[in-house]
């Protein structure tokens, strides 16, 4: 049985909030993968002058490899992290991926409420279907989170995990 649970959503702060609550409920550790990657990047003082993008991707992979060795951990992973096949593969080896799925309408309303730049709202709305499909296809479990309390979502996640392991 895999000891980690990887949570992902197209609404990043929502997934982080649910991840922390689930970690508390299950008495597991919590890690914010993107936060740890950013920490590793900023603490690495010397960036090469050439090929910085490749260098940063290598740092990201190294951090994800390290995270995938954790045990008994809820991992909050962002779409961009799981969108890279090598990262997804490493995280799936040690954990099950749970997609906290919003409907398009709920997602759009959320973006509008957050006072995000109109162009960014439009871009995110255009890419929703593609990103939603990618995560859904790579997730082990999909939990519908539309208009449901966080407590009910945590219960749904726990039931889905029990069912997954049968």
C-alpha atoms as a PDB file:
ATOM      1  CA  UNK A   1       0.000   0.000   0.000  1.00  0.00           C
ATOM      2  CA  UNK A   2       1.250   3.477  -0.882  1.00  0.00           C
ATOM      3  CA  UNK A   3       1.776   5.656   2.177  1.00  0.00           C
ATOM      4  CA  UNK A   4       1.345   9.125   0.645  1.00  0.00           C
ATOM      5  CA  UNK A   5      -1.673  10.992  -0.678  1.00  0.00           C
ATOM      6  CA  UNK A   6      -1.110  13.581  -3.399  1.00  0.00           C
ATOM      7  CA  UNK A   7      -3.880  16.188  -3.631  1.00  0.00           C
ATOM      8  CA  UNK A   8      -4.287  18.384  -6.697  1.00  0.00           C
ATOM      9  CA  UNK A   9      -6.903  20.890  -7.817  1.00  0.00           C
ATOM     10  CA  UNK A  10      -7.098  23.622 -10.403  1.00  0.00           C
ATOM     11  CA  UNK A  11      -7.712  25.978  -7.470  1.00  0.00           C
ATOM     12  CA  UNK A  12      -4.350  25.874  -5.702  1.00  0.00           C
ATOM     13  CA  UNK A  13      -5.200  27.476  -2.371  1.00  0.00           C
ATOM     14  CA  UNK A  14      -8.279  25.245  -2.038  1.00  0.00           C
ATOM     15  CA  UNK A  15      -6.196  22.073  -2.441  1.00  0.00           C
ATOM     16  CA  UNK A  16      -3.685  23.380   0.091  1.00  0.00           C
ATOM     17  CA  UNK A  17      -6.423  24.093   2.648  1.00  0.00           C
ATOM     18  CA  UNK A  18      -7.990  20.628   2.202  1.00  0.00           C
ATOM     19  CA  UNK A  19      -4.529  18.999   2.286  1.00  0.00           C
ATOM     20  CA  UNK A  20      -3.745  20.546   5.659  1.00  0.00           C
ATOM     21  CA  UNK A  21      -7.116  19.545   7.112  1.00  0.00           C
ATOM     22  CA  UNK A  22      -6.785  15.995   5.797  1.00  0.00           C
ATOM     23  CA  UNK A  23      -3.270  15.711   7.218  1.00  0.00           C
ATOM     24  CA  UNK A  24      -4.568  16.798  10.624  1.00  0.00           C
ATOM     25  CA  UNK A  25      -7.508  14.404  10.434  1.00  0.00           C
ATOM     26  CA  UNK A  26      -5.371  11.412   9.448  1.00  0.00           C
ATOM     27  CA  UNK A  27      -2.431  12.390  11.681  1.00  0.00           C
ATOM     28  CA  UNK A  28      -0.133  12.543   8.663  1.00  0.00           C
ATOM     29  CA  UNK A  29       2.604  14.980   7.698  1.00  0.00           C
ATOM     30  CA  UNK A  30       1.869  17.787   5.229  1.00  0.00           C
ATOM     31  CA  UNK A  31       4.113  19.160   2.503  1.00  0.00           C
ATOM     32  CA  UNK A  32       3.456  21.953   0.028  1.00  0.00           C
ATOM     33  CA  UNK A  33       5.426  20.675  -2.981  1.00  0.00           C
ATOM     34  CA  UNK A  34       5.480  24.009  -4.819  1.00  0.00           C
ATOM     35  CA  UNK A  35       6.525  25.860  -1.661  1.00  0.00           C
ATOM     36  CA  UNK A  36       9.367  23.405  -1.107  1.00  0.00           C
ATOM     37  CA  UNK A  37      10.467  23.709  -4.738  1.00  0.00           C
ATOM     38  CA  UNK A  38      10.448  27.512  -4.445  1.00  0.00           C
ATOM     39  CA  UNK A  39      12.458  27.283  -1.225  1.00  0.00           C
ATOM     40  CA  UNK A  40      15.019  24.998  -2.879  1.00  0.00           C
ATOM     41  CA  UNK A  41      15.312  27.357  -5.848  1.00  0.00           C
ATOM     42  CA  UNK A  42      15.693  30.523  -3.769  1.00  0.00           C
ATOM     43  CA  UNK A  43      18.157  28.928  -1.353  1.00  0.00           C
ATOM     44  CA  UNK A  44      20.291  27.825  -4.298  1.00  0.00           C
ATOM     45  CA  UNK A  45      22.170  31.091  -4.655  1.00  0.00           C
ATOM     46  CA  UNK A  46      24.144  30.417  -7.838  1.00  0.00           C
ATOM     47  CA  UNK A  47      22.060  30.093 -10.984  1.00  0.00           C
ATOM     48  CA  UNK A  48      23.997  29.447 -14.180  1.00  0.00           C
ATOM     49  CA  UNK A  49      23.959  32.249 -16.714  1.00  0.00           C
ATOM     50  CA  UNK A  50      23.081  29.845 -19.528  1.00  0.00           C
ATOM     51  CA  UNK A  51      20.214  27.367 -19.704  1.00  0.00           C
ATOM     52  CA  UNK A  52      18.509  28.571 -16.526  1.00  0.00           C
ATOM     53  CA  UNK A  53      15.178  26.959 -17.431  1.00  0.00           C
ATOM     54  CA  UNK A  54      16.760  23.523 -17.729  1.00  0.00           C
ATOM     55  CA  UNK A  55      18.625  24.052 -14.472  1.00  0.00           C
ATOM     56  CA  UNK A  56      15.408  25.052 -12.661  1.00  0.00           C
ATOM     57  CA  UNK A  57      13.591  21.997 -14.018  1.00  0.00           C
ATOM     58  CA  UNK A  58      16.409  19.795 -12.697  1.00  0.00           C
ATOM     59  CA  UNK A  59      16.081  21.427  -9.274  1.00  0.00           C
ATOM     60  CA  UNK A  60      12.329  20.818  -9.401  1.00  0.00           C
ATOM     61  CA  UNK A  61      12.826  17.143 -10.306  1.00  0.00           C
ATOM     62  CA  UNK A  62      15.359  16.732  -7.498  1.00  0.00           C
ATOM     63  CA  UNK A  63      12.899  18.198  -4.991  1.00  0.00           C
ATOM     64  CA  UNK A  64      10.030  16.012  -6.266  1.00  0.00           C
ATOM     65  CA  UNK A  65      12.295  12.945  -6.077  1.00  0.00           C
ATOM     66  CA  UNK A  66      13.033  13.820  -2.457  1.00  0.00           C
ATOM     67  CA  UNK A  67       9.340  14.394  -1.651  1.00  0.00           C
ATOM     68  CA  UNK A  68       8.407  11.079  -3.257  1.00  0.00           C
ATOM     69  CA  UNK A  69      10.627   9.351  -0.673  1.00  0.00           C
ATOM     70  CA  UNK A  70       8.571  10.764   2.202  1.00  0.00           C
ATOM     71  CA  UNK A  71       6.219   8.440   4.032  1.00  0.00           C
ATOM     72  CA  UNK A  72       2.852   9.039   5.683  1.00  0.00           C
ATOM     73  CA  UNK A  73       2.548  12.444   4.000  1.00  0.00           C
ATOM     74  CA  UNK A  74      -0.204  14.483   2.386  1.00  0.00           C
ATOM     75  CA  UNK A  75       1.419  16.198  -0.589  1.00  0.00           C
ATOM     76  CA  UNK A  76      -0.169  19.351  -1.979  1.00  0.00           C
ATOM     77  CA  UNK A  77       0.889  19.347  -5.649  1.00  0.00           C
ATOM     78  CA  UNK A  78       0.029  21.980  -8.214  1.00  0.00           C
ATOM     79  CA  UNK A  79      -1.060  21.267 -11.788  1.00  0.00           C
ATOM     80  CA  UNK A  80       2.226  22.457 -13.275  1.00  0.00           C
ATOM     81  CA  UNK A  81       4.158  19.952 -11.152  1.00  0.00           C
ATOM     82  CA  UNK A  82       1.976  16.992 -12.130  1.00  0.00           C
ATOM     83  CA  UNK A  83       1.918  18.142 -15.740  1.00  0.00           C
ATOM     84  CA  UNK A  84       5.522  16.986 -16.103  1.00  0.00           C
ATOM     85  CA  UNK A  85       5.437  13.191 -16.691  1.00  0.00           C
ATOM     86  CA  UNK A  86       8.624  12.483 -14.714  1.00  0.00           C
ATOM     87  CA  UNK A  87       7.226  14.284 -11.649  1.00  0.00           C
ATOM     88  CA  UNK A  88       3.889  12.500 -11.914  1.00  0.00           C
ATOM     89  CA  UNK A  89       5.634   9.138 -12.201  1.00  0.00           C
ATOM     90  CA  UNK A  90       7.751   9.735  -9.086  1.00  0.00           C
ATOM     91  CA  UNK A  91       4.806  10.929  -6.982  1.00  0.00           C
ATOM     92  CA  UNK A  92       2.550   8.055  -8.124  1.00  0.00           C
ATOM     93  CA  UNK A  93       5.179   5.499  -7.080  1.00  0.00           C
ATOM     94  CA  UNK A  94       4.790   6.463  -3.431  1.00  0.00           C
ATOM     95  CA  UNK A  95       1.282   7.865  -3.296  1.00  0.00           C
ATOM     96  CA  UNK A  96      -2.183   7.918  -4.736  1.00  0.00           C
ATOM     97  CA  UNK A  97      -3.246  11.020  -6.648  1.00  0.00           C
ATOM     98  CA  UNK A  98      -6.563  12.546  -5.594  1.00  0.00           C
ATOM     99  CA  UNK A  99      -8.073  15.193  -7.857  1.00  0.00           C
ATOM    100  CA  UNK A 100     -10.318  17.700  -6.100  1.00  0.00           C
ATOM    101  CA  UNK A 101     -12.508  18.500  -9.089  1.00  0.00           C
ATOM    102  CA  UNK A 102     -14.541  21.664  -9.582  1.00  0.00           C
ATOM    103  CA  UNK A 103     -17.122  22.089 -12.327  1.00  0.00           C
ATOM    104  CA  UNK A 104     -16.313  24.700 -14.957  1.00  0.00           C
ATOM    105  CA  UNK A 105     -19.004  27.018 -13.576  1.00  0.00           C
ATOM    106  CA  UNK A 106     -17.700  26.821  -9.997  1.00  0.00           C
ATOM    107  CA  UNK A 107     -14.124  27.256 -11.211  1.00  0.00           C
ATOM    108  CA  UNK A 108     -15.024  30.349 -13.277  1.00  0.00           C
ATOM    109  CA  UNK A 109     -16.979  31.878 -10.398  1.00  0.00           C
ATOM    110  CA  UNK A 110     -14.052  31.265  -8.069  1.00  0.00           C
ATOM    111  CA  UNK A 111     -11.632  33.036 -10.417  1.00  0.00           C
ATOM    112  CA  UNK A 112     -13.962  36.018 -10.739  1.00  0.00           C
ATOM    113  CA  UNK A 113     -14.349  36.321  -6.951  1.00  0.00           C
ATOM    114  CA  UNK A 114     -10.594  36.341  -6.437  1.00  0.00           C
ATOM    115  CA  UNK A 115     -10.155  39.675  -8.262  1.00  0.00           C
ATOM    116  CA  UNK A 116      -7.810  38.100 -10.758  1.00  0.00           C
ATOM    117  CA  UNK A 117      -6.860  40.070 -13.868  1.00  0.00           C
ATOM    118  CA  UNK A 118      -9.583  39.660 -16.555  1.00  0.00           C
ATOM    119  CA  UNK A 119      -7.093  38.362 -19.135  1.00  0.00           C
ATOM    120  CA  UNK A 120      -5.899  35.715 -16.695  1.00  0.00           C
ATOM    121  CA  UNK A 121      -9.494  34.694 -15.910  1.00  0.00           C
ATOM    122  CA  UNK A 122     -10.150  34.301 -19.647  1.00  0.00           C
ATOM    123  CA  UNK A 123      -6.952  32.309 -20.176  1.00  0.00           C
ATOM    124  CA  UNK A 124      -7.699  30.014 -17.226  1.00  0.00           C
ATOM    125  CA  UNK A 125     -11.242  29.512 -18.452  1.00  0.00           C
ATOM    126  CA  UNK A 126      -9.967  28.562 -21.916  1.00  0.00           C
ATOM    127  CA  UNK A 127      -7.467  26.038 -20.526  1.00  0.00           C
ATOM    128  CA  UNK A 128      -9.880  24.570 -17.933  1.00  0.00           C
ATOM    129  CA  UNK A 129     -11.179  21.728 -20.083  1.00  0.00           C
ATOM    130  CA  UNK A 130      -7.711  20.588 -21.136  1.00  0.00           C
ATOM    131  CA  UNK A 131      -6.242  20.773 -17.631  1.00  0.00           C
ATOM    132  CA  UNK A 132      -9.301  19.144 -16.083  1.00  0.00           C
ATOM    133  CA  UNK A 133      -9.049  16.267 -18.547  1.00  0.00           C
ATOM    134  CA  UNK A 134      -5.296  15.816 -17.947  1.00  0.00           C
ATOM    135  CA  UNK A 135      -5.641  15.652 -14.182  1.00  0.00           C
ATOM    136  CA  UNK A 136      -8.723  13.435 -14.337  1.00  0.00           C
ATOM    137  CA  UNK A 137      -6.884  10.952 -16.588  1.00  0.00           C
ATOM    138  CA  UNK A 138      -3.840  10.827 -14.300  1.00  0.00           C
ATOM    139  CA  UNK A 139      -5.632  10.759 -10.951  1.00  0.00           C
ATOM    140  CA  UNK A 140      -6.280   7.555  -9.056  1.00  0.00           C
ATOM    141  CA  UNK A 141      -9.328   9.123  -7.385  1.00  0.00           C
ATOM    142  CA  UNK A 142     -11.551  12.025  -8.443  1.00  0.00           C
ATOM    143  CA  UNK A 143     -13.593  13.789  -5.753  1.00  0.00           C
ATOM    144  CA  UNK A 144     -16.299  16.254  -6.775  1.00  0.00           C
ATOM    145  CA  UNK A 145     -15.945  19.341  -4.561  1.00  0.00           C
ATOM    146  CA  UNK A 146     -18.739  21.583  -5.854  1.00  0.00           C
ATOM    147  CA  UNK A 147     -20.672  23.326  -3.082  1.00  0.00           C
ATOM    148  CA  UNK A 148     -19.669  20.796  -0.469  1.00  0.00           C
ATOM    149  CA  UNK A 149     -18.188  21.581   2.932  1.00  0.00           C
ATOM    150  CA  UNK A 150     -14.529  20.804   3.542  1.00  0.00           C
ATOM    151  CA  UNK A 151     -15.538  18.296   6.222  1.00  0.00           C
ATOM    152  CA  UNK A 152     -17.732  16.419   3.712  1.00  0.00           C
ATOM    153  CA  UNK A 153     -14.911  16.500   1.152  1.00  0.00           C
ATOM    154  CA  UNK A 154     -12.463  15.015   3.650  1.00  0.00           C
ATOM    155  CA  UNK A 155     -14.989  12.263   4.388  1.00  0.00           C
ATOM    156  CA  UNK A 156     -15.394  11.633   0.632  1.00  0.00           C
ATOM    157  CA  UNK A 157     -11.618  11.433   0.202  1.00  0.00           C
ATOM    158  CA  UNK A 158     -11.291   8.955   3.062  1.00  0.00           C
ATOM    159  CA  UNK A 159     -14.144   6.792   1.713  1.00  0.00           C
ATOM    160  CA  UNK A 160     -12.677   6.890  -1.795  1.00  0.00           C
ATOM    161  CA  UNK A 161      -9.259   5.834  -0.500  1.00  0.00           C
ATOM    162  CA  UNK A 162     -10.793   2.924   1.420  1.00  0.00           C
ATOM    163  CA  UNK A 163     -12.673   1.891  -1.702  1.00  0.00           C
ATOM    164  CA  UNK A 164      -9.507   2.267  -3.816  1.00  0.00           C
ATOM    165  CA  UNK A 165      -7.637  -0.168  -1.603  1.00  0.00           C
ATOM    166  CA  UNK A 166     -10.744  -2.355  -1.409  1.00  0.00           C
END
